[in-house]
N, C-alpha and C. Protein backbone atom coordinates (compact mmCIF):
# COMPACT_ATOMS: atom_id res chain seq x y z
N MET A 1 143.38 283.47 71.41
CA MET A 1 143.56 283.94 72.48
C MET A 1 144.46 283.13 73.44
N SER A 2 145.35 283.84 74.03
CA SER A 2 146.15 283.07 75.01
C SER A 2 145.74 282.80 76.38
N ALA A 3 146.10 281.62 76.98
CA ALA A 3 145.69 281.47 78.35
C ALA A 3 145.80 282.57 79.28
N SER A 4 146.76 283.35 79.19
CA SER A 4 147.13 284.41 80.17
C SER A 4 146.14 285.71 79.84
N ALA A 5 145.58 285.77 78.70
CA ALA A 5 144.72 286.87 78.30
C ALA A 5 143.32 286.68 78.73
N SER A 6 142.95 285.35 79.17
CA SER A 6 141.50 285.15 79.54
C SER A 6 141.61 284.98 81.23
N ALA A 7 142.99 284.78 81.71
CA ALA A 7 142.96 284.69 83.18
C ALA A 7 142.77 286.10 83.91
N PRO A 8 142.36 286.09 84.94
CA PRO A 8 142.05 287.27 85.83
C PRO A 8 143.31 288.00 86.26
N HIS A 9 143.18 289.30 86.36
CA HIS A 9 144.56 290.08 86.83
C HIS A 9 144.95 289.28 88.18
N ALA A 10 146.26 289.32 88.38
CA ALA A 10 146.76 288.89 89.74
C ALA A 10 146.24 289.88 90.80
N GLY A 11 145.83 289.29 91.72
CA GLY A 11 145.21 290.19 92.93
C GLY A 11 143.71 290.15 92.79
N THR A 12 142.98 289.63 91.75
CA THR A 12 141.74 289.90 91.69
C THR A 12 140.78 288.36 92.17
N VAL A 13 139.67 288.61 92.73
CA VAL A 13 138.98 287.45 93.07
C VAL A 13 137.89 287.01 92.02
N SER A 14 137.89 286.01 91.47
CA SER A 14 136.95 285.80 90.21
C SER A 14 135.64 285.25 90.62
N SER A 15 135.37 284.45 91.60
CA SER A 15 134.33 283.58 91.96
C SER A 15 133.58 284.63 92.82
N PRO A 16 132.14 284.63 92.60
CA PRO A 16 131.26 285.70 93.38
C PRO A 16 131.31 285.10 94.91
N TRP A 17 131.55 283.84 95.15
CA TRP A 17 131.57 283.40 96.40
C TRP A 17 132.88 283.79 97.25
N ALA A 18 133.84 283.71 96.42
CA ALA A 18 135.34 284.14 96.84
C ALA A 18 135.20 285.59 97.27
N ARG A 19 134.51 286.42 96.33
CA ARG A 19 134.55 288.02 96.64
C ARG A 19 133.66 288.11 97.93
N ARG A 20 132.56 287.36 98.13
CA ARG A 20 131.72 287.56 99.15
C ARG A 20 132.51 287.18 100.35
N ALA A 21 133.36 286.04 100.31
CA ALA A 21 134.15 285.58 101.69
C ALA A 21 135.24 286.47 102.00
N LEU A 22 135.92 287.02 100.84
CA LEU A 22 137.06 288.11 101.20
C LEU A 22 136.17 289.29 101.81
N ALA A 23 135.05 289.68 101.19
CA ALA A 23 134.34 290.82 101.99
C ALA A 23 133.94 290.53 103.45
N GLY A 24 133.66 289.41 103.64
CA GLY A 24 133.25 289.00 104.93
C GLY A 24 134.49 289.09 105.84
N VAL A 25 135.47 288.47 105.39
CA VAL A 25 136.79 288.32 106.39
C VAL A 25 137.32 289.75 106.42
N LEU A 26 137.36 290.74 105.44
CA LEU A 26 137.74 292.00 105.64
C LEU A 26 136.86 292.74 106.40
N GLY A 27 135.61 292.69 106.23
CA GLY A 27 134.62 293.46 107.07
C GLY A 27 134.50 293.02 108.53
N GLY A 28 134.73 291.69 108.68
CA GLY A 28 134.45 291.22 110.08
C GLY A 28 135.96 291.63 110.72
N LEU A 29 136.92 291.53 110.23
CA LEU A 29 138.25 292.09 111.05
C LEU A 29 138.09 293.49 111.30
N ALA A 30 137.68 294.17 110.29
CA ALA A 30 137.74 295.73 110.42
C ALA A 30 136.62 296.13 111.63
N GLY A 31 135.37 295.54 111.45
CA GLY A 31 134.40 295.71 112.40
C GLY A 31 134.93 295.23 113.83
N GLY A 32 135.44 294.08 113.95
CA GLY A 32 136.06 293.66 115.26
C GLY A 32 136.87 294.40 115.91
N ILE A 33 137.77 294.80 114.88
CA ILE A 33 138.84 296.02 115.56
C ILE A 33 138.22 297.10 116.01
N VAL A 34 137.16 297.79 115.39
CA VAL A 34 136.56 298.93 115.86
C VAL A 34 135.77 298.51 117.15
N PHE A 35 134.96 297.52 117.03
CA PHE A 35 134.33 297.09 118.42
C PHE A 35 135.23 296.84 119.30
N GLY A 36 136.31 296.39 119.06
CA GLY A 36 137.26 295.85 120.06
C GLY A 36 137.92 296.96 120.76
N ILE A 37 138.08 298.11 120.07
CA ILE A 37 138.66 299.23 120.76
C ILE A 37 137.67 299.72 121.96
N LEU A 38 136.42 299.49 121.67
CA LEU A 38 135.37 299.87 122.66
C LEU A 38 135.37 298.98 123.69
N MET A 39 135.52 297.65 123.28
CA MET A 39 135.46 296.73 124.26
C MET A 39 136.62 296.66 125.22
N ALA A 40 137.84 297.08 124.72
CA ALA A 40 138.97 297.28 125.58
C ALA A 40 138.84 298.35 126.62
N MET A 41 138.23 299.39 126.01
CA MET A 41 137.93 300.51 126.95
C MET A 41 137.19 300.20 128.22
N MET A 42 136.27 299.25 127.96
CA MET A 42 135.40 298.87 128.81
C MET A 42 135.86 297.57 129.77
N GLY A 43 137.19 297.07 129.28
CA GLY A 43 137.64 295.90 129.96
C GLY A 43 136.82 294.63 129.88
N MET A 44 136.36 294.50 128.76
CA MET A 44 135.39 293.27 128.30
C MET A 44 136.04 292.08 127.97
N PHE A 45 137.42 292.10 127.59
CA PHE A 45 138.14 290.79 127.05
C PHE A 45 138.22 289.68 128.00
N THR A 46 138.31 289.89 129.21
CA THR A 46 138.41 289.01 130.19
C THR A 46 137.17 288.24 130.20
N MET A 47 135.82 289.09 130.06
CA MET A 47 134.46 288.32 130.02
C MET A 47 134.54 287.29 128.71
N ILE A 48 135.07 287.96 127.64
CA ILE A 48 134.89 287.24 126.43
C ILE A 48 135.70 285.89 126.48
N ALA A 49 136.91 286.10 127.33
CA ALA A 49 137.95 284.76 127.47
C ALA A 49 137.15 283.81 128.13
N GLY A 50 136.19 284.07 129.13
CA GLY A 50 135.59 283.09 129.98
C GLY A 50 134.64 282.21 128.91
N LEU A 51 134.17 282.61 127.67
CA LEU A 51 133.50 281.91 126.89
C LEU A 51 134.09 280.53 126.42
N VAL A 52 135.55 280.61 126.69
CA VAL A 52 136.28 279.39 126.40
C VAL A 52 137.05 278.92 127.40
N GLY A 53 136.62 279.38 128.78
CA GLY A 53 137.37 278.77 129.96
C GLY A 53 138.59 279.53 130.30
N SER A 54 138.76 280.69 129.62
CA SER A 54 140.16 281.37 130.32
C SER A 54 139.57 282.73 130.90
N ASN A 55 140.78 283.21 131.37
CA ASN A 55 140.61 284.59 132.02
C ASN A 55 141.80 285.62 131.46
N SER A 56 142.28 285.21 130.24
CA SER A 56 143.42 286.04 129.70
C SER A 56 142.67 287.14 128.54
N PRO A 57 143.04 288.20 128.79
CA PRO A 57 142.45 289.31 127.88
C PRO A 57 142.65 289.00 126.43
N TRP A 58 144.10 288.63 126.16
CA TRP A 58 144.48 288.22 124.93
C TRP A 58 143.74 287.13 124.23
N ILE A 59 143.32 286.11 125.09
CA ILE A 59 142.48 285.04 124.72
C ILE A 59 140.95 285.53 124.17
N GLY A 60 140.79 286.58 125.07
CA GLY A 60 139.38 287.19 124.62
C GLY A 60 139.53 287.98 123.47
N VAL A 61 140.54 288.73 123.26
CA VAL A 61 140.92 289.21 121.81
C VAL A 61 140.75 288.32 120.74
N GLY A 62 141.35 287.25 120.94
CA GLY A 62 141.42 286.19 119.76
C GLY A 62 140.01 285.71 119.56
N VAL A 63 139.20 285.25 120.72
CA VAL A 63 137.88 284.76 120.68
C VAL A 63 136.83 285.91 119.94
N HIS A 64 137.14 287.21 120.35
CA HIS A 64 136.40 288.14 119.71
C HIS A 64 136.53 288.36 118.31
N LEU A 65 137.93 288.24 117.81
CA LEU A 65 138.29 288.27 116.21
C LEU A 65 137.67 287.21 115.56
N VAL A 66 137.77 286.11 115.86
CA VAL A 66 137.17 284.71 115.35
C VAL A 66 135.84 284.90 115.13
N ILE A 67 135.05 285.33 116.27
CA ILE A 67 133.64 285.59 116.08
C ILE A 67 133.25 286.62 115.18
N SER A 68 134.17 287.61 115.00
CA SER A 68 133.88 288.94 114.30
C SER A 68 134.02 288.49 112.82
N VAL A 69 134.88 287.70 112.44
CA VAL A 69 135.14 286.91 111.10
C VAL A 69 133.95 286.28 110.62
N ALA A 70 133.66 285.24 111.66
CA ALA A 70 132.40 284.46 111.29
C ALA A 70 131.24 285.34 111.04
N TYR A 71 130.81 286.07 111.97
CA TYR A 71 129.64 286.86 111.57
C TYR A 71 129.61 287.94 110.29
N GLY A 72 131.10 288.22 109.97
CA GLY A 72 131.23 288.95 108.74
C GLY A 72 130.79 288.12 107.51
N LEU A 73 131.36 287.04 107.74
CA LEU A 73 131.07 285.98 106.56
C LEU A 73 129.63 285.46 106.56
N VAL A 74 128.88 285.49 107.64
CA VAL A 74 127.37 285.23 107.42
C VAL A 74 126.91 286.41 106.64
N LEU A 75 127.14 287.60 107.13
CA LEU A 75 126.45 288.76 106.43
C LEU A 75 126.70 288.77 105.07
N THR A 76 128.08 288.57 104.50
CA THR A 76 128.42 288.82 103.09
C THR A 76 128.08 287.57 102.34
N LEU A 77 128.16 286.29 102.84
CA LEU A 77 127.88 285.35 102.16
C LEU A 77 126.30 285.11 101.72
N PHE A 78 125.60 285.49 102.82
CA PHE A 78 124.18 285.25 102.68
C PHE A 78 123.23 286.43 102.39
N PHE A 79 123.86 287.51 102.46
CA PHE A 79 123.12 288.88 102.46
C PHE A 79 123.73 289.82 101.59
N SER A 80 124.74 289.52 100.75
CA SER A 80 125.50 290.41 99.74
C SER A 80 124.69 291.30 98.84
N ARG A 81 123.55 290.68 98.37
CA ARG A 81 122.38 291.49 97.42
C ARG A 81 121.97 292.74 98.11
N PHE A 82 122.31 292.93 99.57
CA PHE A 82 121.88 294.35 100.02
C PHE A 82 122.96 295.25 100.08
N LEU A 83 124.19 294.83 99.77
CA LEU A 83 125.32 295.51 100.11
C LEU A 83 126.04 296.16 98.84
N HIS A 84 125.31 296.93 98.03
CA HIS A 84 125.79 297.30 96.66
C HIS A 84 126.08 298.73 96.77
N SER A 85 125.52 299.53 97.76
CA SER A 85 125.75 301.09 97.80
C SER A 85 126.07 301.44 99.46
N TYR A 86 126.82 302.23 99.63
CA TYR A 86 127.17 302.82 100.94
C TYR A 86 125.84 303.01 101.62
N GLY A 87 125.03 303.98 101.05
CA GLY A 87 123.75 304.26 101.99
C GLY A 87 122.95 303.26 102.34
N ARG A 88 122.51 302.37 101.07
CA ARG A 88 121.63 301.47 101.39
C ARG A 88 122.28 300.07 102.11
N GLY A 89 123.58 299.97 101.95
CA GLY A 89 124.26 299.06 102.68
C GLY A 89 124.36 299.32 104.11
N SER A 90 124.34 300.45 104.64
CA SER A 90 124.28 300.75 105.89
C SER A 90 123.25 300.35 106.83
N ILE A 91 122.01 300.34 106.16
CA ILE A 91 120.69 299.84 106.93
C ILE A 91 120.74 298.38 107.29
N PRO A 92 121.01 297.33 106.42
CA PRO A 92 121.37 295.94 106.77
C PRO A 92 122.21 295.87 107.65
N GLY A 93 123.52 296.68 107.74
CA GLY A 93 124.71 296.45 108.72
C GLY A 93 123.94 296.90 110.04
N LEU A 94 123.34 297.90 110.07
CA LEU A 94 122.84 298.28 111.47
C LEU A 94 121.87 297.26 112.03
N VAL A 95 121.00 296.78 111.09
CA VAL A 95 119.89 295.76 111.54
C VAL A 95 120.61 294.65 112.13
N TYR A 96 121.80 294.40 111.27
CA TYR A 96 122.47 293.03 111.68
C TYR A 96 123.18 293.21 112.88
N GLY A 97 123.72 294.44 113.37
CA GLY A 97 124.22 294.63 114.39
C GLY A 97 123.26 294.46 115.67
N VAL A 98 121.91 294.86 115.72
CA VAL A 98 120.94 294.81 116.44
C VAL A 98 120.73 293.25 116.97
N ILE A 99 120.61 292.45 115.73
CA ILE A 99 120.28 290.86 115.66
C ILE A 99 121.39 290.35 116.54
N LEU A 100 122.78 290.76 116.10
CA LEU A 100 123.84 290.14 116.87
C LEU A 100 123.82 290.40 118.37
N TRP A 101 123.52 291.74 118.59
CA TRP A 101 123.53 292.12 119.97
C TRP A 101 122.39 291.27 120.85
N VAL A 102 121.29 290.98 120.20
CA VAL A 102 120.31 290.43 120.96
C VAL A 102 120.72 288.83 121.05
N ILE A 103 121.33 288.16 119.99
CA ILE A 103 121.83 286.80 120.13
C ILE A 103 122.95 286.88 121.03
N GLY A 104 124.06 287.66 120.85
CA GLY A 104 125.28 287.40 121.72
C GLY A 104 125.02 288.07 123.18
N PRO A 105 125.11 289.19 123.65
CA PRO A 105 125.13 289.70 124.92
C PRO A 105 123.93 289.51 125.58
N LEU A 106 122.77 289.38 125.14
CA LEU A 106 121.47 289.33 125.66
C LEU A 106 121.06 287.85 125.81
N LEU A 107 121.44 286.84 124.99
CA LEU A 107 121.12 285.47 124.99
C LEU A 107 122.26 284.54 125.33
N VAL A 108 122.99 284.41 124.29
CA VAL A 108 124.05 283.36 124.25
C VAL A 108 125.14 283.48 125.46
N MET A 109 125.68 284.90 125.43
CA MET A 109 126.78 284.83 126.49
C MET A 109 126.14 284.82 128.02
N PRO A 110 125.14 285.18 128.24
CA PRO A 110 124.54 285.07 129.59
C PRO A 110 124.52 283.39 129.87
N LEU A 111 123.91 282.78 128.84
CA LEU A 111 123.70 281.39 128.98
C LEU A 111 124.83 280.56 129.31
N MET A 112 125.98 280.88 128.49
CA MET A 112 127.23 280.29 128.70
C MET A 112 127.89 280.65 129.80
N LEU A 113 127.61 281.84 130.50
CA LEU A 113 128.54 282.39 131.68
C LEU A 113 127.63 282.39 133.05
N GLY A 114 126.41 281.75 132.84
CA GLY A 114 125.56 281.32 134.01
C GLY A 114 125.04 282.63 134.56
N MET A 115 124.57 283.67 133.76
CA MET A 115 124.23 284.70 134.19
C MET A 115 122.59 284.79 133.60
N PRO A 116 121.86 285.81 134.16
CA PRO A 116 120.44 286.07 133.65
C PRO A 116 120.51 286.58 132.15
N VAL A 117 119.40 285.83 131.27
CA VAL A 117 119.34 286.31 130.09
C VAL A 117 118.52 287.69 129.95
N PHE A 118 118.72 288.39 128.88
CA PHE A 118 118.15 289.52 128.69
C PHE A 118 118.08 290.55 129.87
N GLY A 119 119.23 290.61 130.54
CA GLY A 119 119.48 291.59 131.44
C GLY A 119 119.95 292.77 131.10
N PHE A 120 119.36 293.98 131.25
CA PHE A 120 119.74 295.09 130.79
C PHE A 120 120.46 296.08 131.94
N ASN A 121 121.63 296.65 131.45
CA ASN A 121 122.33 297.44 132.29
C ASN A 121 123.35 298.36 131.40
N VAL A 122 124.06 299.29 131.94
CA VAL A 122 124.92 300.27 131.28
C VAL A 122 125.68 299.16 130.26
N THR A 123 126.42 298.32 130.78
CA THR A 123 127.42 297.41 130.05
C THR A 123 126.62 296.99 128.75
N VAL A 124 125.36 296.43 128.95
CA VAL A 124 124.73 295.68 127.84
C VAL A 124 124.26 297.00 126.80
N MET A 125 124.07 298.00 127.32
CA MET A 125 123.44 298.98 126.43
C MET A 125 124.64 299.70 125.54
N MET A 126 125.95 299.69 126.34
CA MET A 126 127.18 299.89 125.45
C MET A 126 127.52 299.01 124.52
N SER A 127 127.02 297.74 124.72
CA SER A 127 127.49 296.75 123.85
C SER A 127 126.36 296.77 122.69
N LEU A 128 125.40 297.46 122.89
CA LEU A 128 124.49 297.85 121.62
C LEU A 128 125.30 298.75 120.74
N VAL A 129 125.73 299.73 121.41
CA VAL A 129 126.56 300.73 120.51
C VAL A 129 127.50 299.99 119.73
N GLY A 130 128.40 299.21 120.29
CA GLY A 130 129.43 298.51 119.67
C GLY A 130 128.93 297.53 118.55
N HIS A 131 127.73 296.85 119.02
CA HIS A 131 127.29 295.94 117.85
C HIS A 131 126.83 296.79 116.61
N LEU A 132 126.16 297.97 116.94
CA LEU A 132 125.86 298.82 115.74
C LEU A 132 126.92 299.20 114.96
N LEU A 133 128.03 299.61 115.56
CA LEU A 133 129.25 300.15 114.95
C LEU A 133 129.92 298.84 114.14
N TYR A 134 129.89 297.63 114.92
CA TYR A 134 130.26 296.50 114.07
C TYR A 134 129.59 296.27 112.75
N GLY A 135 128.33 296.11 112.76
CA GLY A 135 127.58 295.97 111.57
C GLY A 135 127.59 296.76 110.71
N LEU A 136 127.77 298.12 110.89
CA LEU A 136 127.89 299.22 110.07
C LEU A 136 129.23 299.07 109.33
N VAL A 137 130.28 298.76 110.11
CA VAL A 137 131.67 298.95 109.54
C VAL A 137 131.57 297.54 108.70
N VAL A 138 131.24 296.46 109.25
CA VAL A 138 131.19 295.33 108.38
C VAL A 138 130.53 295.63 106.95
N ALA A 139 129.39 296.14 106.89
CA ALA A 139 128.62 296.49 105.57
C ALA A 139 129.45 297.30 104.83
N LEU A 140 129.85 298.57 105.38
CA LEU A 140 130.47 299.26 104.59
C LEU A 140 131.89 298.89 103.91
N VAL A 141 132.72 298.09 104.73
CA VAL A 141 133.88 297.43 103.99
C VAL A 141 133.49 296.54 103.10
N ALA A 142 132.33 295.79 103.33
CA ALA A 142 131.95 294.74 102.21
C ALA A 142 131.57 295.49 100.97
N VAL A 143 130.81 296.55 101.17
CA VAL A 143 130.45 297.51 99.89
C VAL A 143 131.66 297.95 99.21
N TRP A 144 132.66 298.51 99.90
CA TRP A 144 133.94 298.86 99.26
C TRP A 144 134.72 297.71 98.51
N THR A 145 134.60 296.55 99.25
CA THR A 145 135.37 295.21 98.67
C THR A 145 134.63 295.00 97.39
N PHE A 146 133.46 295.05 97.35
CA PHE A 146 132.49 294.51 96.15
C PHE A 146 132.82 295.70 95.19
N ARG A 147 133.04 296.81 95.31
CA ARG A 147 133.24 297.92 94.51
C ARG A 147 134.47 297.70 93.89
N ARG A 148 135.52 297.43 94.51
CA ARG A 148 136.92 297.27 94.15
C ARG A 148 136.98 296.06 93.19
N ALA A 149 136.35 294.81 93.56
CA ALA A 149 136.32 293.80 92.65
C ALA A 149 135.53 293.98 91.38
N HIS A 150 134.61 295.02 91.33
CA HIS A 150 134.13 295.32 90.09
C HIS A 150 134.73 296.22 89.10
N ALA A 151 135.84 296.89 89.84
CA ALA A 151 136.37 298.04 89.15
C ALA A 151 137.41 297.76 88.23
């Protein structure tokens, strides 16, 4: 058997951890873009930029996408066993979105920006919708990525 016959095809990812990382990056970016559209419509990127001491909406977009990829990686690196079918993978994605909503806009962001924690208003509730969409998209893109890797 030649060395090229045993090597994976070009463009495939052979390591399970590498497949999980790829799924997390792709899912995190996709979810971040979908959620980012909602955030842009609500004018939220200036507030996100405030997390790093800026008021530029473009900095806010960058911060949002970095966070989105990081959270996507957490889901796929540690919880990939729940992401093998679209139907069953949707549930952990939605649960993950709720968890991120509680951690992010209800707790960490208010603490970092000097605002009251666990404050509920229309913006925070719209953020729940965005986090649910984010978690769902990350999970579905991860399932798609895992299925393509096994095809």
